[in-house]
Amino acid sequence: MVAARAEVPLGATTYYYPTLGDLIAAGLELAAQQVEAEMAALAPQIRQKDDVPVALSRMAADYVTDGPKALLEYELYLAAARTPSLRPLARQWLDGLHAIVAPHTGPAAATAIIALLDGAMLQAIVTGDPIDPEALETAISAQARGA
């Protein structure tokens, strides 16, 4: 099926990716590389902002506007729940964002904020509804204050 969708011979996919797990791992590695690049670009933006909740809520709202990309990345991210060997790749998003947010909020609040961001983005992907940046900003601000 993958070969057909990619319009390449079946042997081309099975040579490089003998199992579905291998194909998923390759996809997650590619997504992890893209996330790493996005984190590198996001870090200075967050560090230079006085208002981290605004920056994070805008980042989340922008992320889900590319629905197919966001869905694919979340599908790969969730594949790590079924395949423990993929978890280090999936953790790159969590660890990268934690390293950016924690200096502004402290480690515990950063963990809660990242869970909030993940939930908001996943809900937007599932429902097709856009993220309300102002509402998300308010929720992130409350977490940052420890409320």
N, C-alpha and C. Protein backbone atom coordinates (compact mmCIF):
# COMPACT_ATOMS: atom_id res chain seq x y z
N MET A 1 0.82 -1.19 0.00
CA MET A 1 0.00 0.00 0.00
C MET A 1 0.87 1.26 0.00
N VAL A 2 1.93 1.25 0.82
CA VAL A 2 2.82 2.41 0.86
C VAL A 2 3.46 2.62 -0.50
N ALA A 3 3.94 1.52 -1.11
CA ALA A 3 4.58 1.63 -2.42
C ALA A 3 3.60 2.18 -3.45
N ALA A 4 2.37 1.71 -3.41
CA ALA A 4 1.37 2.18 -4.36
C ALA A 4 1.11 3.66 -4.19
N ARG A 5 0.98 4.11 -2.95
CA ARG A 5 0.72 5.54 -2.71
C ARG A 5 1.91 6.40 -3.12
N ALA A 6 3.12 5.84 -2.95
CA ALA A 6 4.31 6.59 -3.33
C ALA A 6 4.62 6.45 -4.82
N GLU A 7 3.86 5.58 -5.48
CA GLU A 7 4.03 5.32 -6.90
C GLU A 7 5.45 4.84 -7.22
N VAL A 8 5.92 3.89 -6.40
CA VAL A 8 7.22 3.25 -6.62
C VAL A 8 7.01 1.73 -6.57
N PRO A 9 7.93 0.97 -7.12
CA PRO A 9 7.79 -0.48 -7.06
C PRO A 9 7.82 -0.98 -5.61
N LEU A 10 7.11 -2.06 -5.33
CA LEU A 10 7.05 -2.62 -3.98
C LEU A 10 8.44 -2.91 -3.45
N GLY A 11 9.32 -3.41 -4.30
CA GLY A 11 10.68 -3.72 -3.86
C GLY A 11 11.44 -2.52 -3.34
N ALA A 12 11.11 -1.35 -3.84
CA ALA A 12 11.79 -0.13 -3.39
C ALA A 12 11.50 0.17 -1.93
N THR A 13 10.28 -0.08 -1.51
CA THR A 13 9.96 0.19 -0.10
C THR A 13 10.44 -0.93 0.80
N THR A 14 10.26 -2.17 0.38
CA THR A 14 10.64 -3.29 1.25
C THR A 14 12.15 -3.44 1.36
N TYR A 15 12.90 -2.94 0.38
CA TYR A 15 14.36 -2.98 0.47
C TYR A 15 14.83 -2.07 1.61
N TYR A 16 14.30 -0.87 1.66
CA TYR A 16 14.72 0.09 2.68
C TYR A 16 13.97 -0.07 4.00
N TYR A 17 12.75 -0.53 3.93
CA TYR A 17 11.90 -0.66 5.13
C TYR A 17 11.22 -2.02 5.11
N PRO A 18 11.92 -3.07 5.56
CA PRO A 18 11.37 -4.43 5.46
C PRO A 18 10.08 -4.63 6.26
N THR A 19 9.90 -3.86 7.35
CA THR A 19 8.69 -4.02 8.15
C THR A 19 7.99 -2.68 8.30
N LEU A 20 6.73 -2.74 8.69
CA LEU A 20 5.98 -1.51 8.94
C LEU A 20 6.65 -0.72 10.07
N GLY A 21 7.16 -1.43 11.07
CA GLY A 21 7.87 -0.77 12.17
C GLY A 21 9.07 0.02 11.69
N ASP A 22 9.81 -0.56 10.71
CA ASP A 22 10.96 0.15 10.15
C ASP A 22 10.52 1.43 9.43
N LEU A 23 9.43 1.34 8.70
CA LEU A 23 8.91 2.50 7.98
C LEU A 23 8.44 3.58 8.97
N ILE A 24 7.75 3.16 10.01
CA ILE A 24 7.28 4.11 11.02
C ILE A 24 8.48 4.77 11.72
N ALA A 25 9.49 3.96 12.05
CA ALA A 25 10.68 4.51 12.70
C ALA A 25 11.36 5.55 11.81
N ALA A 26 11.45 5.26 10.51
CA ALA A 26 12.07 6.21 9.59
C ALA A 26 11.24 7.50 9.52
N GLY A 27 9.92 7.36 9.50
CA GLY A 27 9.06 8.54 9.50
C GLY A 27 9.21 9.36 10.76
N LEU A 28 9.29 8.67 11.90
CA LEU A 28 9.44 9.37 13.18
C LEU A 28 10.80 10.04 13.26
N GLU A 29 11.83 9.40 12.73
CA GLU A 29 13.16 10.03 12.72
C GLU A 29 13.14 11.31 11.88
N LEU A 30 12.49 11.25 10.73
CA LEU A 30 12.38 12.44 9.89
C LEU A 30 11.60 13.53 10.61
N ALA A 31 10.49 13.15 11.23
CA ALA A 31 9.69 14.13 11.98
C ALA A 31 10.51 14.69 13.14
N ALA A 32 11.30 13.84 13.80
CA ALA A 32 12.13 14.30 14.92
C ALA A 32 13.18 15.30 14.44
N GLN A 33 13.74 15.05 13.27
CA GLN A 33 14.71 16.00 12.71
C GLN A 33 14.04 17.34 12.42
N GLN A 34 12.82 17.29 11.90
CA GLN A 34 12.09 18.52 11.63
C GLN A 34 11.74 19.24 12.93
N VAL A 35 11.35 18.46 13.94
CA VAL A 35 11.03 19.07 15.24
C VAL A 35 12.28 19.71 15.83
N GLU A 36 13.41 19.04 15.70
CA GLU A 36 14.66 19.59 16.20
C GLU A 36 14.96 20.94 15.54
N ALA A 37 14.76 21.01 14.23
CA ALA A 37 14.97 22.27 13.51
C ALA A 37 13.96 23.33 13.97
N GLU A 38 12.71 22.91 14.18
CA GLU A 38 11.69 23.85 14.64
C GLU A 38 12.02 24.35 16.05
N MET A 39 12.52 23.46 16.91
CA MET A 39 12.91 23.85 18.27
C MET A 39 14.06 24.85 18.22
N ALA A 40 15.03 24.60 17.33
CA ALA A 40 16.17 25.52 17.20
C ALA A 40 15.69 26.91 16.77
N ALA A 41 14.67 26.95 15.91
CA ALA A 41 14.13 28.24 15.47
C ALA A 41 13.25 28.87 16.55
N LEU A 42 12.54 28.03 17.30
CA LEU A 42 11.62 28.54 18.31
C LEU A 42 12.34 29.04 19.55
N ALA A 43 13.42 28.39 19.94
CA ALA A 43 14.12 28.74 21.18
C ALA A 43 14.46 30.22 21.29
N PRO A 44 15.10 30.82 20.28
CA PRO A 44 15.41 32.24 20.43
C PRO A 44 14.17 33.12 20.48
N GLN A 45 13.12 32.72 19.77
CA GLN A 45 11.88 33.49 19.80
C GLN A 45 11.29 33.50 21.21
N ILE A 46 11.28 32.33 21.85
CA ILE A 46 10.72 32.23 23.20
C ILE A 46 11.63 32.97 24.19
N ARG A 47 12.92 32.79 24.08
CA ARG A 47 13.87 33.42 25.01
C ARG A 47 13.83 34.93 24.93
N GLN A 48 13.51 35.48 23.75
CA GLN A 48 13.48 36.93 23.58
C GLN A 48 12.14 37.54 23.94
N LYS A 49 11.14 36.72 24.17
CA LYS A 49 9.80 37.24 24.47
C LYS A 49 9.66 37.50 25.96
N ASP A 50 9.05 38.60 26.27
CA ASP A 50 8.71 38.87 27.66
C ASP A 50 7.48 38.06 28.04
N ASP A 51 6.64 37.76 27.06
CA ASP A 51 5.38 37.08 27.32
C ASP A 51 5.41 35.68 26.70
N VAL A 52 5.95 34.73 27.45
CA VAL A 52 6.08 33.35 26.97
C VAL A 52 4.71 32.72 26.67
N PRO A 53 3.69 32.93 27.53
CA PRO A 53 2.39 32.33 27.20
C PRO A 53 1.85 32.76 25.83
N VAL A 54 2.06 34.02 25.46
CA VAL A 54 1.61 34.50 24.15
C VAL A 54 2.38 33.77 23.05
N ALA A 55 3.69 33.68 23.20
CA ALA A 55 4.52 33.02 22.18
C ALA A 55 4.13 31.56 22.02
N LEU A 56 3.92 30.85 23.13
CA LEU A 56 3.57 29.43 23.06
C LEU A 56 2.18 29.21 22.48
N SER A 57 1.24 30.05 22.86
CA SER A 57 -0.12 29.87 22.33
C SER A 57 -0.16 30.16 20.83
N ARG A 58 0.59 31.14 20.39
CA ARG A 58 0.66 31.43 18.95
C ARG A 58 1.35 30.30 18.20
N MET A 59 2.41 29.73 18.80
CA MET A 59 3.12 28.62 18.18
C MET A 59 2.17 27.43 18.01
N ALA A 60 1.38 27.12 19.03
CA ALA A 60 0.45 26.00 18.95
C ALA A 60 -0.63 26.25 17.91
N ALA A 61 -1.17 27.46 17.90
CA ALA A 61 -2.21 27.80 16.93
C ALA A 61 -1.68 27.72 15.50
N ASP A 62 -0.46 28.19 15.30
CA ASP A 62 0.15 28.12 13.96
C ASP A 62 0.43 26.68 13.56
N TYR A 63 0.87 25.87 14.50
CA TYR A 63 1.24 24.48 14.21
C TYR A 63 0.07 23.70 13.60
N VAL A 64 -1.11 23.86 14.16
CA VAL A 64 -2.25 23.05 13.69
C VAL A 64 -2.87 23.58 12.41
N THR A 65 -2.42 24.73 11.93
CA THR A 65 -2.99 25.23 10.67
C THR A 65 -2.57 24.38 9.48
N ASP A 66 -1.46 23.66 9.59
CA ASP A 66 -1.06 22.70 8.56
C ASP A 66 -1.57 21.33 9.02
N GLY A 67 -2.86 21.13 8.85
CA GLY A 67 -3.53 19.93 9.35
C GLY A 67 -2.90 18.62 8.95
N PRO A 68 -2.63 18.39 7.66
CA PRO A 68 -2.03 17.10 7.27
C PRO A 68 -0.67 16.85 7.92
N LYS A 69 0.17 17.88 8.00
CA LYS A 69 1.49 17.73 8.63
C LYS A 69 1.33 17.45 10.12
N ALA A 70 0.47 18.21 10.78
CA ALA A 70 0.27 18.02 12.21
C ALA A 70 -0.28 16.63 12.50
N LEU A 71 -1.23 16.19 11.70
CA LEU A 71 -1.80 14.85 11.88
C LEU A 71 -0.74 13.78 11.71
N LEU A 72 0.05 13.88 10.67
CA LEU A 72 1.11 12.90 10.44
C LEU A 72 2.09 12.87 11.60
N GLU A 73 2.52 14.03 12.06
CA GLU A 73 3.48 14.07 13.16
C GLU A 73 2.89 13.48 14.44
N TYR A 74 1.61 13.75 14.71
CA TYR A 74 0.99 13.17 15.90
C TYR A 74 0.80 11.66 15.74
N GLU A 75 0.50 11.19 14.54
CA GLU A 75 0.39 9.74 14.32
C GLU A 75 1.73 9.07 14.59
N LEU A 76 2.81 9.67 14.13
CA LEU A 76 4.13 9.11 14.39
C LEU A 76 4.47 9.19 15.88
N TYR A 77 4.12 10.29 16.50
CA TYR A 77 4.35 10.51 17.93
C TYR A 77 3.61 9.44 18.74
N LEU A 78 2.37 9.16 18.37
CA LEU A 78 1.58 8.15 19.07
C LEU A 78 2.06 6.73 18.78
N ALA A 79 2.75 6.52 17.67
CA ALA A 79 3.30 5.20 17.38
C ALA A 79 4.28 4.77 18.48
N ALA A 80 4.89 5.72 19.13
CA ALA A 80 5.82 5.42 20.22
C ALA A 80 5.10 4.78 21.41
N ALA A 81 3.80 4.99 21.52
CA ALA A 81 3.04 4.34 22.60
C ALA A 81 2.99 2.83 22.40
N ARG A 82 3.00 2.41 21.14
CA ARG A 82 2.94 0.98 20.81
C ARG A 82 4.32 0.36 20.60
N THR A 83 5.31 1.20 20.33
CA THR A 83 6.64 0.69 20.01
C THR A 83 7.66 1.40 20.90
N PRO A 84 8.03 0.78 22.01
CA PRO A 84 8.93 1.43 22.96
C PRO A 84 10.26 1.90 22.36
N SER A 85 10.75 1.23 21.32
CA SER A 85 12.02 1.66 20.73
C SER A 85 11.91 3.04 20.07
N LEU A 86 10.69 3.48 19.79
CA LEU A 86 10.48 4.80 19.18
C LEU A 86 10.39 5.92 20.21
N ARG A 87 10.28 5.56 21.47
CA ARG A 87 10.05 6.59 22.50
C ARG A 87 11.16 7.64 22.60
N PRO A 88 12.43 7.26 22.44
CA PRO A 88 13.45 8.32 22.49
C PRO A 88 13.25 9.38 21.41
N LEU A 89 12.81 8.95 20.23
CA LEU A 89 12.56 9.92 19.16
C LEU A 89 11.37 10.81 19.52
N ALA A 90 10.32 10.21 20.09
CA ALA A 90 9.14 10.98 20.47
C ALA A 90 9.45 11.95 21.60
N ARG A 91 10.39 11.59 22.47
CA ARG A 91 10.74 12.45 23.60
C ARG A 91 11.45 13.73 23.15
N GLN A 92 11.98 13.74 21.94
CA GLN A 92 12.69 14.94 21.48
C GLN A 92 11.81 16.17 21.55
N TRP A 93 10.54 16.04 21.18
CA TRP A 93 9.61 17.17 21.25
C TRP A 93 9.44 17.61 22.70
N LEU A 94 9.18 16.65 23.58
CA LEU A 94 8.95 16.98 24.98
C LEU A 94 10.19 17.60 25.62
N ASP A 95 11.33 16.95 25.42
CA ASP A 95 12.56 17.43 26.04
C ASP A 95 13.00 18.77 25.46
N GLY A 96 12.86 18.92 24.13
CA GLY A 96 13.26 20.18 23.51
C GLY A 96 12.42 21.34 23.98
N LEU A 97 11.12 21.14 24.04
CA LEU A 97 10.24 22.21 24.49
C LEU A 97 10.43 22.48 25.99
N HIS A 98 10.65 21.42 26.77
CA HIS A 98 10.88 21.60 28.20
C HIS A 98 12.12 22.46 28.44
N ALA A 99 13.18 22.21 27.68
CA ALA A 99 14.41 22.99 27.83
C ALA A 99 14.19 24.47 27.51
N ILE A 100 13.25 24.75 26.64
CA ILE A 100 12.96 26.14 26.27
C ILE A 100 12.06 26.82 27.29
N VAL A 101 11.06 26.09 27.78
CA VAL A 101 10.04 26.68 28.66
C VAL A 101 10.48 26.73 30.13
N ALA A 102 11.16 25.71 30.61
CA ALA A 102 11.50 25.61 32.03
C ALA A 102 12.24 26.82 32.60
N PRO A 103 13.17 27.42 31.88
CA PRO A 103 13.84 28.60 32.46
C PRO A 103 12.89 29.76 32.77
N HIS A 104 11.74 29.80 32.09
CA HIS A 104 10.77 30.88 32.31
C HIS A 104 9.76 30.54 33.39
N THR A 105 9.52 29.24 33.60
CA THR A 105 8.40 28.84 34.45
C THR A 105 8.78 27.92 35.60
N GLY A 106 9.95 27.31 35.52
CA GLY A 106 10.32 26.25 36.45
C GLY A 106 9.96 24.90 35.83
N PRO A 107 10.63 23.84 36.26
CA PRO A 107 10.44 22.53 35.63
C PRO A 107 9.03 21.95 35.75
N ALA A 108 8.42 22.05 36.92
CA ALA A 108 7.08 21.45 37.11
C ALA A 108 6.04 22.17 36.25
N ALA A 109 6.07 23.49 36.25
CA ALA A 109 5.11 24.25 35.43
C ALA A 109 5.36 23.99 33.95
N ALA A 110 6.62 23.86 33.54
CA ALA A 110 6.93 23.57 32.14
C ALA A 110 6.31 22.25 31.71
N THR A 111 6.41 21.24 32.57
CA THR A 111 5.82 19.93 32.26
C THR A 111 4.31 20.06 32.08
N ALA A 112 3.66 20.80 32.97
CA ALA A 112 2.21 20.99 32.87
C ALA A 112 1.84 21.79 31.62
N ILE A 113 2.61 22.79 31.30
CA ILE A 113 2.33 23.62 30.12
C ILE A 113 2.48 22.79 28.84
N ILE A 114 3.49 21.96 28.78
CA ILE A 114 3.69 21.12 27.60
C ILE A 114 2.54 20.14 27.43
N ALA A 115 2.07 19.57 28.54
CA ALA A 115 0.90 18.68 28.47
C ALA A 115 -0.32 19.46 27.98
N LEU A 116 -0.47 20.68 28.44
CA LEU A 116 -1.58 21.53 28.01
C LEU A 116 -1.47 21.83 26.51
N LEU A 117 -0.29 22.16 26.04
CA LEU A 117 -0.08 22.42 24.62
C LEU A 117 -0.39 21.17 23.79
N ASP A 118 0.14 20.03 24.22
CA ASP A 118 -0.13 18.78 23.49
C ASP A 118 -1.63 18.51 23.42
N GLY A 119 -2.31 18.68 24.53
CA GLY A 119 -3.75 18.44 24.55
C GLY A 119 -4.51 19.39 23.63
N ALA A 120 -4.14 20.66 23.67
CA ALA A 120 -4.81 21.64 22.81
C ALA A 120 -4.57 21.34 21.34
N MET A 121 -3.33 20.98 21.00
CA MET A 121 -3.03 20.70 19.60
C MET A 121 -3.71 19.41 19.15
N LEU A 122 -3.70 18.40 19.99
CA LEU A 122 -4.37 17.15 19.63
C LEU A 122 -5.87 17.36 19.46
N GLN A 123 -6.50 18.11 20.34
CA GLN A 123 -7.94 18.39 20.19
C GLN A 123 -8.22 19.13 18.89
N ALA A 124 -7.37 20.08 18.55
CA ALA A 124 -7.57 20.83 17.30
C ALA A 124 -7.43 19.91 16.09
N ILE A 125 -6.47 19.00 16.15
CA ILE A 125 -6.27 18.06 15.04
C ILE A 125 -7.48 17.14 14.92
N VAL A 126 -7.97 16.64 16.04
CA VAL A 126 -9.09 15.68 16.04
C VAL A 126 -10.39 16.36 15.60
N THR A 127 -10.65 17.56 16.09
CA THR A 127 -11.93 18.21 15.81
C THR A 127 -11.91 19.03 14.53
N GLY A 128 -10.73 19.44 14.10
CA GLY A 128 -10.64 20.33 12.95
C GLY A 128 -10.89 21.78 13.32
N ASP A 129 -11.14 22.04 14.59
CA ASP A 129 -11.36 23.41 15.05
C ASP A 129 -10.02 24.09 15.32
N PRO A 130 -9.91 25.38 15.02
CA PRO A 130 -8.65 26.07 15.30
C PRO A 130 -8.48 26.26 16.81
N ILE A 131 -7.25 26.44 17.20
CA ILE A 131 -6.95 26.76 18.59
C ILE A 131 -7.29 28.23 18.83
N ASP A 132 -7.90 28.51 19.95
CA ASP A 132 -8.17 29.88 20.37
C ASP A 132 -6.92 30.36 21.13
N PRO A 133 -6.06 31.15 20.50
CA PRO A 133 -4.80 31.52 21.14
C PRO A 133 -4.98 32.26 22.46
N GLU A 134 -6.01 33.10 22.55
CA GLU A 134 -6.22 33.86 23.78
C GLU A 134 -6.61 32.94 24.94
N ALA A 135 -7.48 31.98 24.67
CA ALA A 135 -7.89 31.03 25.72
C ALA A 135 -6.70 30.17 26.14
N LEU A 136 -5.92 29.73 25.18
CA LEU A 136 -4.74 28.92 25.51
C LEU A 136 -3.72 29.75 26.27
N GLU A 137 -3.55 30.99 25.87
CA GLU A 137 -2.64 31.89 26.58
C GLU A 137 -3.04 32.04 28.05
N THR A 138 -4.33 32.19 28.29
CA THR A 138 -4.83 32.31 29.66
C THR A 138 -4.52 31.05 30.47
N ALA A 139 -4.73 29.89 29.86
CA ALA A 139 -4.47 28.62 30.56
C ALA A 139 -2.98 28.45 30.83
N ILE A 140 -2.14 28.80 29.86
CA ILE A 140 -0.69 28.69 30.05
C ILE A 140 -0.23 29.65 31.15
N SER A 141 -0.76 30.86 31.15
CA SER A 141 -0.41 31.84 32.18
C SER A 141 -0.76 31.33 33.57
N ALA A 142 -1.92 30.70 33.68
CA ALA A 142 -2.33 30.15 34.98
C ALA A 142 -1.36 29.05 35.43
N GLN A 143 -0.96 28.19 34.51
CA GLN A 143 0.00 27.14 34.85
C GLN A 143 1.35 27.75 35.24
N ALA A 144 1.77 28.77 34.51
CA ALA A 144 3.07 29.39 34.78
C ALA A 144 3.09 30.03 36.17
N ARG A 145 1.93 30.54 36.60
CA ARG A 145 1.82 31.15 37.93
C ARG A 145 1.62 30.10 39.01
N GLY A 146 1.38 28.86 38.60
CA GLY A 146 1.14 27.80 39.58
C GLY A 146 -0.28 27.79 40.09
N ALA A 147 -1.19 28.42 39.33
CA ALA A 147 -2.60 28.48 39.75
C ALA A 147 -3.30 27.18 39.46
